[in-house]
C-alpha atoms as a PDB file:
ATOM      1  CA  THR A   1      46.590   5.312 193.822  1.00  0.00           C
ATOM      2  CA  LEU A   2      47.247   7.047 190.525  1.00  0.00           C
ATOM      3  CA  PHE A   3      47.669   3.912 188.470  1.00  0.00           C
ATOM      4  CA  PRO A   4      44.070   2.635 188.183  1.00  0.00           C
ATOM      5  CA  SER A   5      43.095   5.880 186.474  1.00  0.00           C
ATOM      6  CA  ILE A   6      45.809   5.631 183.788  1.00  0.00           C
ATOM      7  CA  LEU A   7      45.576   1.908 183.012  1.00  0.00           C
ATOM      8  CA  SER A   8      42.799   0.412 180.932  1.00  0.00           C
ATOM      9  CA  LYS A   9      40.897  -2.635 182.134  1.00  0.00           C
ATOM     10  CA  ARG A  10      42.317  -4.539 179.162  1.00  0.00           C
ATOM     11  CA  ALA A  11      45.915  -3.638 180.120  1.00  0.00           C
ATOM     12  CA  ILE A  12      45.280  -4.679 183.728  1.00  0.00           C
ATOM     13  CA  GLU A  13      43.975  -8.064 182.557  1.00  0.00           C
ATOM     14  CA  GLU A  14      46.493  -8.638 179.748  1.00  0.00           C
ATOM     15  CA  TYR A  15      49.575  -7.871 181.845  1.00  0.00           C
ATOM     16  CA  ARG A  16      48.109  -9.309 185.066  1.00  0.00           C
ATOM     17  CA  ILE A  17      48.635  -6.063 186.956  1.00  0.00           C
ATOM     18  CA  ASP A  18      48.010  -6.263 190.706  1.00  0.00           C
ATOM     19  CA  LEU A  19      46.747  -2.808 191.721  1.00  0.00           C
ATOM     20  CA  GLY A  20      46.388  -1.278 195.181  1.00  0.00           C
ATOM     21  CA  LYS A  21      49.972  -1.357 196.367  1.00  0.00           C
ATOM     22  CA  GLU A  22      52.824   1.156 196.451  1.00  0.00           C
ATOM     23  CA  ILE A  23      54.809  -1.009 194.061  1.00  0.00           C
ATOM     24  CA  ILE A  24      52.576  -2.700 191.517  1.00  0.00           C
ATOM     25  CA  TYR A  25      53.790  -5.994 190.122  1.00  0.00           C
ATOM     26  CA  ALA A  26      52.743  -7.329 186.739  1.00  0.00           C
ATOM     27  CA  ASP A  27      53.358 -10.396 184.601  1.00  0.00           C
ATOM     28  CA  LYS A  28      53.694 -12.704 187.622  1.00  0.00           C
ATOM     29  CA  GLY A  29      56.302 -10.483 189.269  1.00  0.00           C
ATOM     30  CA  ARG A  30      58.564 -10.053 186.239  1.00  0.00           C
ATOM     31  CA  ALA A  31      57.615  -6.380 185.798  1.00  0.00           C
ATOM     32  CA  ARG A  32      56.835  -3.569 188.190  1.00  0.00           C
ATOM     33  CA  ILE A  33      55.360  -0.084 188.220  1.00  0.00           C
ATOM     34  CA  GLU A  34      56.145   2.279 191.044  1.00  0.00           C
ATOM     35  CA  ALA A  35      55.635   5.899 191.918  1.00  0.00           C
ATOM     36  CA  VAL A  36      58.724   7.787 192.949  1.00  0.00           C
ATOM     37  CA  THR A  37      59.331  10.727 195.191  1.00  0.00           C
ATOM     38  CA  SER A  38      59.149  14.292 193.982  1.00  0.00           C
ATOM     39  CA  SER A  39      62.747  14.869 195.064  1.00  0.00           C
ATOM     40  CA  PRO A  40      65.209  14.948 192.154  1.00  0.00           C
ATOM     41  CA  ARG A  41      68.039  13.676 194.377  1.00  0.00           C
ATOM     42  CA  ALA A  42      66.072  10.546 195.255  1.00  0.00           C
ATOM     43  CA  VAL A  43      65.342   9.768 191.593  1.00  0.00           C
ATOM     44  CA  GLU A  44      68.985   9.590 190.496  1.00  0.00           C
ATOM     45  CA  GLY A  45      70.374   6.123 189.898  1.00  0.00           C
ATOM     46  CA  GLY A  46      68.626   3.386 187.953  1.00  0.00           C
ATOM     47  CA  ARG A  47      67.012   4.504 184.730  1.00  0.00           C
ATOM     48  CA  PRO A  48      63.286   3.974 184.160  1.00  0.00           C
ATOM     49  CA  THR A  49      61.818   2.392 181.052  1.00  0.00           C
ATOM     50  CA  ALA A  50      59.039   4.979 180.897  1.00  0.00           C
ATOM     51  CA  VAL A  51      58.084   8.128 182.787  1.00  0.00           C
ATOM     52  CA  ASN A  52      54.651   9.743 182.992  1.00  0.00           C
ATOM     53  CA  LEU A  53      55.291  13.491 183.241  1.00  0.00           C
ATOM     54  CA  GLY A  54      52.091  14.908 184.677  1.00  0.00           C
ATOM     55  CA  GLU A  55      51.253  18.581 185.092  1.00  0.00           C
ATOM     56  CA  THR A  56      54.696  19.813 184.086  1.00  0.00           C
ATOM     57  CA  HIS A  57      53.423  23.393 184.077  1.00  0.00           C
ATOM     58  CA  HIS A  58      53.811  23.132 187.870  1.00  0.00           C
ATOM     59  CA  TRP A  59      57.477  22.094 187.552  1.00  0.00           C
ATOM     60  CA  LEU A  60      59.064  25.397 188.510  1.00  0.00           C
ATOM     61  CA  GLU A  61      62.603  26.340 189.411  1.00  0.00           C
ATOM     62  CA  SER A  62      61.382  27.326 192.883  1.00  0.00           C
ATOM     63  CA  ASN A  63      60.084  23.799 193.626  1.00  0.00           C
ATOM     64  CA  GLN A  64      63.002  21.942 191.977  1.00  0.00           C
ATOM     65  CA  GLY A  65      60.885  21.122 188.934  1.00  0.00           C
ATOM     66  CA  HIS A  66      63.621  22.094 186.481  1.00  0.00           C
ATOM     67  CA  GLU A  67      66.122  19.935 188.372  1.00  0.00           C
ATOM     68  CA  MET A  68      63.648  17.017 188.337  1.00  0.00           C
ATOM     69  CA  ALA A  69      63.233  17.329 184.551  1.00  0.00           C
ATOM     70  CA  ALA A  70      67.015  17.344 184.099  1.00  0.00           C
ATOM     71  CA  VAL A  71      67.424  14.177 186.186  1.00  0.00           C
ATOM     72  CA  ILE A  72      64.693  12.379 184.224  1.00  0.00           C
ATOM     73  CA  GLU A  73      66.220  13.382 180.867  1.00  0.00           C
ATOM     74  CA  ARG A  74      69.690  12.028 181.717  1.00  0.00           C
END
């Protein structure tokens, strides 16, 4: 998964992050980290606390990248 490469060992230990799953739970289940689809329509709804915007130079109008950015910024 993507998450082990962006989380430090200290963060994994401090927040008790359980890696290796699609939805990663932390702090004894009180927090979660999850990857979402690349479809802007599927992302609408609940608002995230934080978003990691990776490789945005690939977010083009032709692949709905501009629409995805607009949904995230709402």
